[in-house]
Structures are given as structure tokens and as C-alpha cells.
Amino acid sequence: MAHNEHVIYTANAHVTGGRAAGHGRTSDGALEVDLRAPLERGGEGGGTNPEQLFAIGYAACFESALATAARRRRIDVADVAIDASVSLIPTESRGYALAVTLAVTLPSIEDAVDAVELVRAAHQICPYSNATRGNIDVVLTANGRAVEPAESAAAGR
């Protein structure tokens, strides 16, 4: 566990059998899943996989970060939807990496620049974004428009 005196919450889970024929359960029993390799990877299907769980977790966390960013700007974004894609990619060193795309839809934000700025702000707040920054490729869109990382956006000004 991280050595931080201000831990807000810790989730605990137990997994046996791995991704191909495993089972996972949270300590409180709220989530219990069979783990299976997807059909696309030659698996039998019939369960979920780590990439699907990561996609749901990241999208849910990002939506909460969007709500925080919107609240700080006094904007209502109750109608947010996020489509998350998590890709498993082989590396040259015979390992694996992940890549993420979060397509954020903000129907109540009509101004494209405002939507992009809000998503960019959420990306700075979200714990998943902070954990993955510099480790995996994350592509963000806001209402169909690309969201450049804060570093790239600042360099272009």
C-alpha cells in the first residue's frame, strides 16, 4: 500500500486462476466476476477480462473527475457519457502494454473549446489519468473533438 497518511479509500480484491479461467471478488462482495480470455484472443468467453474492468473503472473515475472539474467552474454536466476503449498491445520486449481512448460526450456543453477544456481539467484530476500519465497512451475526445494534452496545448499558444 502507498505510504500516505491521507488515504481516502482502499479497495481490496482477491483473484484466483488469472485472466484465462479465473475468478475475482471484492472484499465486500459487491463485485464478483468470472475472468475469461476474450473470444478475440482465442478464449472461451463467458466472463470478463482485465481490459474490460479497467475500461469501466477508468470511465467511471473520469466521469467523477469531470463532475469535480465542472463543479469548480460552476457548470452543470449531469448528462455526461463516456465510451472507453482499452487495447492490449504486444511490446517489442515480448511483454504487453495498454492504450486507452476515452470518448467523452457532454450534451449540455455546446461550445467545443469549453468541452475540451473541461475534459483536459478532468484529466488532471482523475486518479486513473494520474496513475497512467507517461506510462500508457491515453487519447481523449470531447464531443468528438480531440483533446490535446495540457503540455501540447500550452506549447501551441
N, C-alpha and C. Protein backbone atom coordinates (compact mmCIF):
# COMPACT_ATOMS: atom_id res chain seq x y z
N MET A 1 0.85 -1.19 0.00
CA MET A 1 0.00 0.00 0.00
C MET A 1 0.88 1.23 0.00
N ALA A 2 0.45 2.27 -0.66
CA ALA A 2 1.18 3.53 -0.70
C ALA A 2 1.29 4.09 0.71
N HIS A 3 2.43 4.66 1.01
CA HIS A 3 2.63 5.27 2.32
C HIS A 3 2.14 6.70 2.26
N ASN A 4 0.89 6.87 2.58
CA ASN A 4 0.28 8.19 2.53
C ASN A 4 -0.67 8.30 3.71
N GLU A 5 -0.44 9.27 4.55
CA GLU A 5 -1.27 9.43 5.74
C GLU A 5 -2.67 9.92 5.44
N HIS A 6 -2.94 10.29 4.19
CA HIS A 6 -4.25 10.84 3.83
C HIS A 6 -5.01 9.94 2.86
N VAL A 7 -4.90 8.65 3.02
CA VAL A 7 -5.62 7.72 2.15
C VAL A 7 -7.12 7.95 2.33
N ILE A 8 -7.82 8.15 1.22
CA ILE A 8 -9.26 8.39 1.24
C ILE A 8 -10.03 7.08 1.24
N TYR A 9 -9.53 6.11 0.48
CA TYR A 9 -10.25 4.84 0.33
C TYR A 9 -9.28 3.81 -0.22
N THR A 10 -9.43 2.57 0.20
CA THR A 10 -8.64 1.46 -0.33
C THR A 10 -9.60 0.35 -0.73
N ALA A 11 -9.51 -0.10 -1.96
CA ALA A 11 -10.31 -1.23 -2.44
C ALA A 11 -9.45 -2.49 -2.34
N ASN A 12 -10.09 -3.58 -1.97
CA ASN A 12 -9.40 -4.87 -1.87
C ASN A 12 -10.14 -5.91 -2.68
N ALA A 13 -9.36 -6.72 -3.40
CA ALA A 13 -9.95 -7.79 -4.20
C ALA A 13 -9.05 -9.01 -4.14
N HIS A 14 -9.65 -10.16 -4.39
CA HIS A 14 -8.93 -11.43 -4.39
C HIS A 14 -9.20 -12.10 -5.73
N VAL A 15 -8.14 -12.57 -6.39
CA VAL A 15 -8.26 -13.22 -7.69
C VAL A 15 -7.54 -14.56 -7.64
N THR A 16 -8.17 -15.57 -8.22
CA THR A 16 -7.53 -16.87 -8.42
C THR A 16 -7.71 -17.26 -9.88
N GLY A 17 -6.74 -17.96 -10.41
CA GLY A 17 -6.87 -18.50 -11.77
C GLY A 17 -6.50 -17.57 -12.89
N GLY A 18 -6.21 -16.31 -12.61
CA GLY A 18 -5.76 -15.39 -13.65
C GLY A 18 -6.83 -15.04 -14.66
N ARG A 19 -6.37 -14.48 -15.78
CA ARG A 19 -7.29 -13.94 -16.78
C ARG A 19 -7.94 -15.01 -17.66
N ALA A 20 -7.35 -16.17 -17.78
CA ALA A 20 -7.87 -17.18 -18.71
C ALA A 20 -9.04 -17.97 -18.16
N ALA A 21 -8.97 -18.31 -16.88
CA ALA A 21 -10.04 -19.11 -16.27
C ALA A 21 -10.10 -18.80 -14.79
N GLY A 22 -10.16 -17.53 -14.49
CA GLY A 22 -10.10 -17.11 -13.10
C GLY A 22 -11.42 -16.65 -12.53
N HIS A 23 -11.30 -16.20 -11.29
CA HIS A 23 -12.46 -15.67 -10.57
C HIS A 23 -11.96 -14.54 -9.69
N GLY A 24 -12.70 -13.45 -9.66
CA GLY A 24 -12.33 -12.32 -8.83
C GLY A 24 -13.49 -11.87 -7.99
N ARG A 25 -13.16 -11.36 -6.78
CA ARG A 25 -14.20 -10.92 -5.86
C ARG A 25 -13.64 -9.81 -5.00
N THR A 26 -14.43 -8.76 -4.82
CA THR A 26 -14.02 -7.69 -3.91
C THR A 26 -14.27 -8.14 -2.47
N SER A 27 -13.54 -7.54 -1.55
CA SER A 27 -13.63 -7.96 -0.15
C SER A 27 -15.02 -7.75 0.44
N ASP A 28 -15.77 -6.79 -0.10
CA ASP A 28 -17.12 -6.56 0.42
C ASP A 28 -18.18 -7.37 -0.32
N GLY A 29 -17.78 -8.13 -1.35
CA GLY A 29 -18.70 -8.96 -2.11
C GLY A 29 -19.56 -8.21 -3.11
N ALA A 30 -19.35 -6.89 -3.25
CA ALA A 30 -20.17 -6.10 -4.17
C ALA A 30 -19.89 -6.44 -5.63
N LEU A 31 -18.68 -6.94 -5.91
CA LEU A 31 -18.33 -7.32 -7.28
C LEU A 31 -17.73 -8.71 -7.25
N GLU A 32 -18.30 -9.59 -8.05
CA GLU A 32 -17.80 -10.95 -8.16
C GLU A 32 -17.89 -11.33 -9.63
N VAL A 33 -16.77 -11.68 -10.23
CA VAL A 33 -16.74 -11.92 -11.67
C VAL A 33 -15.94 -13.17 -12.01
N ASP A 34 -16.36 -13.83 -13.08
CA ASP A 34 -15.56 -14.87 -13.69
C ASP A 34 -14.67 -14.19 -14.73
N LEU A 35 -13.41 -14.56 -14.73
CA LEU A 35 -12.45 -13.99 -15.67
C LEU A 35 -12.20 -15.00 -16.78
N ARG A 36 -12.27 -14.52 -18.01
CA ARG A 36 -12.06 -15.38 -19.17
C ARG A 36 -11.35 -14.57 -20.25
N ALA A 37 -10.51 -15.25 -20.99
CA ALA A 37 -9.90 -14.62 -22.16
C ALA A 37 -11.00 -14.38 -23.19
N PRO A 38 -10.95 -13.22 -23.86
CA PRO A 38 -11.99 -12.93 -24.85
C PRO A 38 -11.89 -13.86 -26.07
N LEU A 39 -13.01 -14.03 -26.73
CA LEU A 39 -13.04 -14.86 -27.94
C LEU A 39 -12.00 -14.39 -28.95
N GLU A 40 -11.81 -13.06 -29.04
CA GLU A 40 -10.86 -12.49 -30.00
C GLU A 40 -9.42 -12.92 -29.73
N ARG A 41 -9.15 -13.40 -28.52
CA ARG A 41 -7.81 -13.87 -28.15
C ARG A 41 -7.77 -15.39 -28.05
N GLY A 42 -8.78 -16.05 -28.61
CA GLY A 42 -8.80 -17.50 -28.59
C GLY A 42 -9.38 -18.09 -27.32
N GLY A 43 -9.95 -17.25 -26.49
CA GLY A 43 -10.54 -17.73 -25.24
C GLY A 43 -11.95 -18.25 -25.45
N GLU A 44 -12.50 -18.77 -24.39
CA GLU A 44 -13.85 -19.33 -24.46
C GLU A 44 -14.94 -18.29 -24.23
N GLY A 45 -14.57 -17.08 -23.81
CA GLY A 45 -15.57 -16.07 -23.49
C GLY A 45 -16.34 -16.48 -22.25
N GLY A 46 -17.48 -15.88 -22.03
CA GLY A 46 -18.31 -16.26 -20.90
C GLY A 46 -17.93 -15.59 -19.59
N GLY A 47 -17.06 -14.63 -19.65
CA GLY A 47 -16.66 -13.88 -18.46
C GLY A 47 -16.13 -12.53 -18.89
N THR A 48 -15.58 -11.82 -17.96
CA THR A 48 -14.99 -10.54 -18.27
C THR A 48 -13.47 -10.69 -18.28
N ASN A 49 -12.79 -9.61 -18.60
CA ASN A 49 -11.32 -9.65 -18.62
C ASN A 49 -10.78 -8.35 -18.03
N PRO A 50 -9.51 -8.32 -17.68
CA PRO A 50 -8.94 -7.14 -17.05
C PRO A 50 -9.10 -5.86 -17.87
N GLU A 51 -9.04 -5.95 -19.19
CA GLU A 51 -9.18 -4.75 -20.01
C GLU A 51 -10.58 -4.16 -19.89
N GLN A 52 -11.60 -5.03 -19.86
CA GLN A 52 -12.97 -4.54 -19.69
C GLN A 52 -13.15 -3.90 -18.32
N LEU A 53 -12.60 -4.52 -17.30
CA LEU A 53 -12.72 -3.96 -15.95
C LEU A 53 -11.99 -2.62 -15.85
N PHE A 54 -10.82 -2.53 -16.49
CA PHE A 54 -10.07 -1.27 -16.49
C PHE A 54 -10.85 -0.19 -17.23
N ALA A 55 -11.48 -0.55 -18.36
CA ALA A 55 -12.26 0.42 -19.13
C ALA A 55 -13.42 0.98 -18.30
N ILE A 56 -14.12 0.11 -17.60
CA ILE A 56 -15.24 0.57 -16.77
C ILE A 56 -14.72 1.42 -15.62
N GLY A 57 -13.68 0.97 -14.96
CA GLY A 57 -13.13 1.71 -13.83
C GLY A 57 -12.62 3.07 -14.23
N TYR A 58 -11.87 3.14 -15.33
CA TYR A 58 -11.32 4.41 -15.78
C TYR A 58 -12.44 5.37 -16.17
N ALA A 59 -13.41 4.88 -16.93
CA ALA A 59 -14.52 5.74 -17.37
C ALA A 59 -15.33 6.27 -16.19
N ALA A 60 -15.61 5.41 -15.22
CA ALA A 60 -16.37 5.84 -14.05
C ALA A 60 -15.59 6.87 -13.24
N CYS A 61 -14.31 6.64 -13.06
CA CYS A 61 -13.47 7.58 -12.32
C CYS A 61 -13.37 8.90 -13.08
N PHE A 62 -13.22 8.83 -14.39
CA PHE A 62 -13.09 10.04 -15.20
C PHE A 62 -14.37 10.86 -15.14
N GLU A 63 -15.52 10.18 -15.13
CA GLU A 63 -16.78 10.92 -15.04
C GLU A 63 -16.88 11.66 -13.71
N SER A 64 -16.41 11.05 -12.64
CA SER A 64 -16.38 11.73 -11.35
C SER A 64 -15.43 12.93 -11.38
N ALA A 65 -14.29 12.77 -12.03
CA ALA A 65 -13.34 13.87 -12.17
C ALA A 65 -13.95 15.01 -12.99
N LEU A 66 -14.72 14.66 -14.01
CA LEU A 66 -15.43 15.68 -14.80
C LEU A 66 -16.42 16.45 -13.93
N ALA A 67 -17.13 15.73 -13.08
CA ALA A 67 -18.09 16.39 -12.19
C ALA A 67 -17.36 17.36 -11.25
N THR A 68 -16.20 16.96 -10.76
CA THR A 68 -15.40 17.84 -9.89
C THR A 68 -14.94 19.07 -10.65
N ALA A 69 -14.40 18.87 -11.86
CA ALA A 69 -13.93 20.00 -12.67
C ALA A 69 -15.09 20.94 -13.00
N ALA A 70 -16.25 20.37 -13.32
CA ALA A 70 -17.42 21.20 -13.65
C ALA A 70 -17.90 21.98 -12.43
N ARG A 71 -17.93 21.31 -11.28
CA ARG A 71 -18.37 21.98 -10.05
C ARG A 71 -17.45 23.16 -9.72
N ARG A 72 -16.16 22.97 -9.90
CA ARG A 72 -15.20 24.05 -9.65
C ARG A 72 -15.42 25.23 -10.58
N ARG A 73 -15.98 24.96 -11.76
CA ARG A 73 -16.25 26.02 -12.75
C ARG A 73 -17.71 26.46 -12.73
N ARG A 74 -18.47 25.88 -11.82
CA ARG A 74 -19.90 26.17 -11.68
C ARG A 74 -20.68 25.88 -12.98
N ILE A 75 -20.41 24.69 -13.52
CA ILE A 75 -21.06 24.23 -14.75
C ILE A 75 -21.82 22.94 -14.41
N ASP A 76 -23.02 22.77 -14.98
CA ASP A 76 -23.79 21.55 -14.79
C ASP A 76 -23.50 20.59 -15.95
N VAL A 77 -23.02 19.38 -15.62
CA VAL A 77 -22.75 18.37 -16.64
C VAL A 77 -23.36 17.02 -16.25
N ALA A 78 -24.59 17.05 -15.82
CA ALA A 78 -25.25 15.83 -15.33
C ALA A 78 -25.49 14.81 -16.44
N ASP A 79 -25.37 15.21 -17.68
CA ASP A 79 -25.71 14.32 -18.79
C ASP A 79 -24.49 13.73 -19.49
N VAL A 80 -23.40 13.54 -18.79
CA VAL A 80 -22.15 13.04 -19.37
C VAL A 80 -22.28 11.56 -19.74
N ALA A 81 -21.64 11.19 -20.84
CA ALA A 81 -21.49 9.78 -21.21
C ALA A 81 -20.04 9.58 -21.67
N ILE A 82 -19.47 8.45 -21.33
CA ILE A 82 -18.09 8.17 -21.72
C ILE A 82 -18.03 6.77 -22.32
N ASP A 83 -17.48 6.69 -23.52
CA ASP A 83 -17.19 5.41 -24.15
C ASP A 83 -15.69 5.18 -24.00
N ALA A 84 -15.33 4.10 -23.30
CA ALA A 84 -13.94 3.80 -23.04
C ALA A 84 -13.50 2.57 -23.83
N SER A 85 -12.30 2.66 -24.39
CA SER A 85 -11.69 1.52 -25.07
C SER A 85 -10.32 1.30 -24.45
N VAL A 86 -10.05 0.07 -24.08
CA VAL A 86 -8.73 -0.30 -23.57
C VAL A 86 -8.18 -1.39 -24.48
N SER A 87 -7.04 -1.11 -25.08
CA SER A 87 -6.42 -2.05 -26.01
C SER A 87 -5.21 -2.70 -25.37
N LEU A 88 -5.05 -3.98 -25.60
CA LEU A 88 -3.90 -4.75 -25.15
C LEU A 88 -2.95 -4.84 -26.34
N ILE A 89 -1.71 -4.40 -26.14
CA ILE A 89 -0.76 -4.28 -27.24
C ILE A 89 0.53 -5.01 -26.89
N PRO A 90 1.02 -5.90 -27.78
CA PRO A 90 2.30 -6.55 -27.51
C PRO A 90 3.45 -5.54 -27.65
N THR A 91 4.47 -5.70 -26.82
CA THR A 91 5.64 -4.83 -26.89
C THR A 91 6.79 -5.57 -27.57
N GLU A 92 7.81 -4.82 -27.95
CA GLU A 92 8.98 -5.42 -28.59
C GLU A 92 9.73 -6.36 -27.65
N SER A 93 9.60 -6.13 -26.35
CA SER A 93 10.30 -6.96 -25.36
C SER A 93 9.49 -8.19 -24.96
N ARG A 94 8.47 -8.50 -25.74
CA ARG A 94 7.61 -9.67 -25.55
C ARG A 94 6.72 -9.55 -24.31
N GLY A 95 6.48 -8.32 -23.88
CA GLY A 95 5.53 -8.05 -22.82
C GLY A 95 4.27 -7.46 -23.43
N TYR A 96 3.51 -6.79 -22.61
CA TYR A 96 2.27 -6.17 -23.08
C TYR A 96 2.14 -4.77 -22.51
N ALA A 97 1.45 -3.93 -23.25
CA ALA A 97 1.14 -2.58 -22.81
C ALA A 97 -0.35 -2.34 -23.06
N LEU A 98 -0.85 -1.28 -22.46
CA LEU A 98 -2.23 -0.87 -22.67
C LEU A 98 -2.27 0.47 -23.38
N ALA A 99 -3.34 0.71 -24.08
CA ALA A 99 -3.65 2.02 -24.65
C ALA A 99 -5.13 2.27 -24.39
N VAL A 100 -5.46 3.53 -24.08
CA VAL A 100 -6.82 3.88 -23.70
C VAL A 100 -7.35 5.01 -24.57
N THR A 101 -8.61 4.91 -24.94
CA THR A 101 -9.33 6.02 -25.56
C THR A 101 -10.58 6.27 -24.73
N LEU A 102 -10.76 7.53 -24.34
CA LEU A 102 -11.98 7.95 -23.66
C LEU A 102 -12.68 8.97 -24.54
N ALA A 103 -13.83 8.60 -25.06
CA ALA A 103 -14.64 9.49 -25.89
C ALA A 103 -15.74 10.06 -24.99
N VAL A 104 -15.57 11.32 -24.62
CA VAL A 104 -16.47 11.97 -23.67
C VAL A 104 -17.53 12.76 -24.43
N THR A 105 -18.78 12.52 -24.10
CA THR A 105 -19.89 13.26 -24.68
C THR A 105 -20.51 14.13 -23.60
N LEU A 106 -20.55 15.42 -23.87
CA LEU A 106 -21.10 16.42 -22.94
C LEU A 106 -22.21 17.19 -23.65
N PRO A 107 -23.42 16.63 -23.74
CA PRO A 107 -24.50 17.28 -24.48
C PRO A 107 -24.84 18.69 -24.00
N SER A 108 -24.65 18.96 -22.72
CA SER A 108 -25.01 20.28 -22.20
C SER A 108 -23.93 21.34 -22.45
N ILE A 109 -22.77 20.94 -22.97
CA ILE A 109 -21.70 21.89 -23.27
C ILE A 109 -21.63 22.04 -24.79
N GLU A 110 -22.20 23.12 -25.29
CA GLU A 110 -22.26 23.32 -26.74
C GLU A 110 -20.96 23.89 -27.31
N ASP A 111 -20.26 24.71 -26.54
CA ASP A 111 -19.03 25.33 -27.02
C ASP A 111 -17.91 24.28 -27.02
N ALA A 112 -17.32 24.02 -28.20
CA ALA A 112 -16.31 22.99 -28.34
C ALA A 112 -15.07 23.27 -27.48
N VAL A 113 -14.65 24.51 -27.40
CA VAL A 113 -13.47 24.87 -26.60
C VAL A 113 -13.74 24.62 -25.12
N ASP A 114 -14.93 24.97 -24.65
CA ASP A 114 -15.29 24.73 -23.25
C ASP A 114 -15.29 23.23 -22.93
N ALA A 115 -15.83 22.43 -23.85
CA ALA A 115 -15.87 20.98 -23.63
C ALA A 115 -14.45 20.41 -23.55
N VAL A 116 -13.59 20.83 -24.46
CA VAL A 116 -12.19 20.37 -24.47
C VAL A 116 -11.49 20.77 -23.18
N GLU A 117 -11.66 22.01 -22.76
CA GLU A 117 -11.01 22.49 -21.53
C GLU A 117 -11.50 21.74 -20.31
N LEU A 118 -12.78 21.41 -20.26
CA LEU A 118 -13.32 20.67 -19.13
C LEU A 118 -12.75 19.26 -19.08
N VAL A 119 -12.67 18.60 -20.22
CA VAL A 119 -12.09 17.25 -20.27
C VAL A 119 -10.61 17.31 -19.92
N ARG A 120 -9.91 18.32 -20.40
CA ARG A 120 -8.49 18.48 -20.06
C ARG A 120 -8.31 18.66 -18.55
N ALA A 121 -9.18 19.45 -17.93
CA ALA A 121 -9.12 19.66 -16.47
C ALA A 121 -9.41 18.35 -15.73
N ALA A 122 -10.38 17.59 -16.19
CA ALA A 122 -10.71 16.31 -15.55
C ALA A 122 -9.53 15.35 -15.65
N HIS A 123 -8.80 15.40 -16.74
CA HIS A 123 -7.64 14.52 -16.94
C HIS A 123 -6.55 14.83 -15.91
N GLN A 124 -6.50 16.04 -15.42
CA GLN A 124 -5.53 16.40 -14.39
C GLN A 124 -6.00 15.96 -13.00
N ILE A 125 -7.29 15.78 -12.83
CA ILE A 125 -7.88 15.42 -11.53
C ILE A 125 -7.98 13.91 -11.35
N CYS A 126 -8.34 13.19 -12.39
CA CYS A 126 -8.67 11.77 -12.32
C CYS A 126 -7.48 10.92 -11.83
N PRO A 127 -7.69 10.11 -10.79
CA PRO A 127 -6.62 9.25 -10.31
C PRO A 127 -6.12 8.24 -11.35
N TYR A 128 -7.01 7.73 -12.19
CA TYR A 128 -6.56 6.81 -13.24
C TYR A 128 -5.67 7.56 -14.23
N SER A 129 -6.05 8.77 -14.60
CA SER A 129 -5.22 9.56 -15.50
C SER A 129 -3.86 9.84 -14.88
N ASN A 130 -3.86 10.18 -13.59
CA ASN A 130 -2.60 10.47 -12.92
C ASN A 130 -1.73 9.22 -12.80
N ALA A 131 -2.35 8.07 -12.60
CA ALA A 131 -1.60 6.82 -12.49
C ALA A 131 -1.02 6.37 -13.82
N THR A 132 -1.72 6.66 -14.91
CA THR A 132 -1.28 6.17 -16.22
C THR A 132 -0.45 7.18 -16.99
N ARG A 133 -0.47 8.45 -16.59
CA ARG A 133 0.23 9.50 -17.33
C ARG A 133 1.71 9.16 -17.48
N GLY A 134 2.16 9.16 -18.73
CA GLY A 134 3.55 8.84 -19.01
C GLY A 134 3.83 7.35 -19.11
N ASN A 135 2.84 6.52 -18.78
CA ASN A 135 3.02 5.07 -18.82
C ASN A 135 2.32 4.41 -19.99
N ILE A 136 1.15 4.92 -20.34
CA ILE A 136 0.40 4.36 -21.47
C ILE A 136 -0.16 5.52 -22.29
N ASP A 137 -0.47 5.21 -23.54
CA ASP A 137 -1.09 6.22 -24.40
C ASP A 137 -2.57 6.35 -24.02
N VAL A 138 -2.98 7.59 -23.77
CA VAL A 138 -4.38 7.89 -23.49
C VAL A 138 -4.84 8.95 -24.48
N VAL A 139 -5.86 8.62 -25.24
CA VAL A 139 -6.43 9.55 -26.22
C VAL A 139 -7.78 9.99 -25.68
N LEU A 140 -7.98 11.30 -25.63
CA LEU A 140 -9.23 11.87 -25.14
C LEU A 140 -9.93 12.64 -26.25
N THR A 141 -11.25 12.54 -26.27
CA THR A 141 -12.05 13.41 -27.14
C THR A 141 -13.18 13.99 -26.30
N ALA A 142 -13.60 15.19 -26.70
CA ALA A 142 -14.72 15.88 -26.05
C ALA A 142 -15.71 16.26 -27.14
N ASN A 143 -16.88 15.67 -27.11
CA ASN A 143 -17.89 15.92 -28.14
C ASN A 143 -17.32 15.71 -29.54
N GLY A 144 -16.49 14.68 -29.69
CA GLY A 144 -15.92 14.33 -30.98
C GLY A 144 -14.66 15.09 -31.35
N ARG A 145 -14.26 16.02 -30.53
CA ARG A 145 -13.07 16.83 -30.83
C ARG A 145 -11.89 16.34 -30.00
N ALA A 146 -10.70 16.23 -30.63
CA ALA A 146 -9.50 15.76 -29.94
C ALA A 146 -9.13 16.71 -28.82
N VAL A 147 -8.71 16.13 -27.71
CA VAL A 147 -8.24 16.90 -26.57
C VAL A 147 -6.74 16.67 -26.48
N GLU A 148 -5.99 17.70 -26.78
CA GLU A 148 -4.54 17.60 -26.70
C GLU A 148 -4.12 17.67 -25.25
N PRO A 149 -3.03 16.97 -24.89
CA PRO A 149 -2.55 17.07 -23.51
C PRO A 149 -2.24 18.51 -23.14
N ALA A 150 -2.30 18.82 -21.85
CA ALA A 150 -2.08 20.18 -21.36
C ALA A 150 -0.73 20.72 -21.83
N GLU A 151 0.31 19.86 -21.85
CA GLU A 151 1.64 20.29 -22.28
C GLU A 151 1.62 20.73 -23.75
N SER A 152 0.95 19.95 -24.61
CA SER A 152 0.87 20.28 -26.03
C SER A 152 0.05 21.53 -26.25
N ALA A 153 -1.05 21.67 -25.50
CA ALA A 153 -1.92 22.83 -25.66
C ALA A 153 -1.17 24.10 -25.25
N ALA A 154 -0.39 24.03 -24.18
CA ALA A 154 0.36 25.21 -23.72
C ALA A 154 1.45 25.59 -24.72
N ALA A 155 2.07 24.58 -25.32
CA ALA A 155 3.14 24.85 -26.30
C ALA A 155 2.59 25.50 -27.57
N GLY A 156 1.33 25.20 -27.90
CA GLY A 156 0.73 25.74 -29.12
C GLY A 156 0.21 27.16 -28.97
N ARG A 157 0.25 27.71 -27.77
CA ARG A 157 -0.29 29.07 -27.55
C ARG A 157 0.72 30.13 -27.83
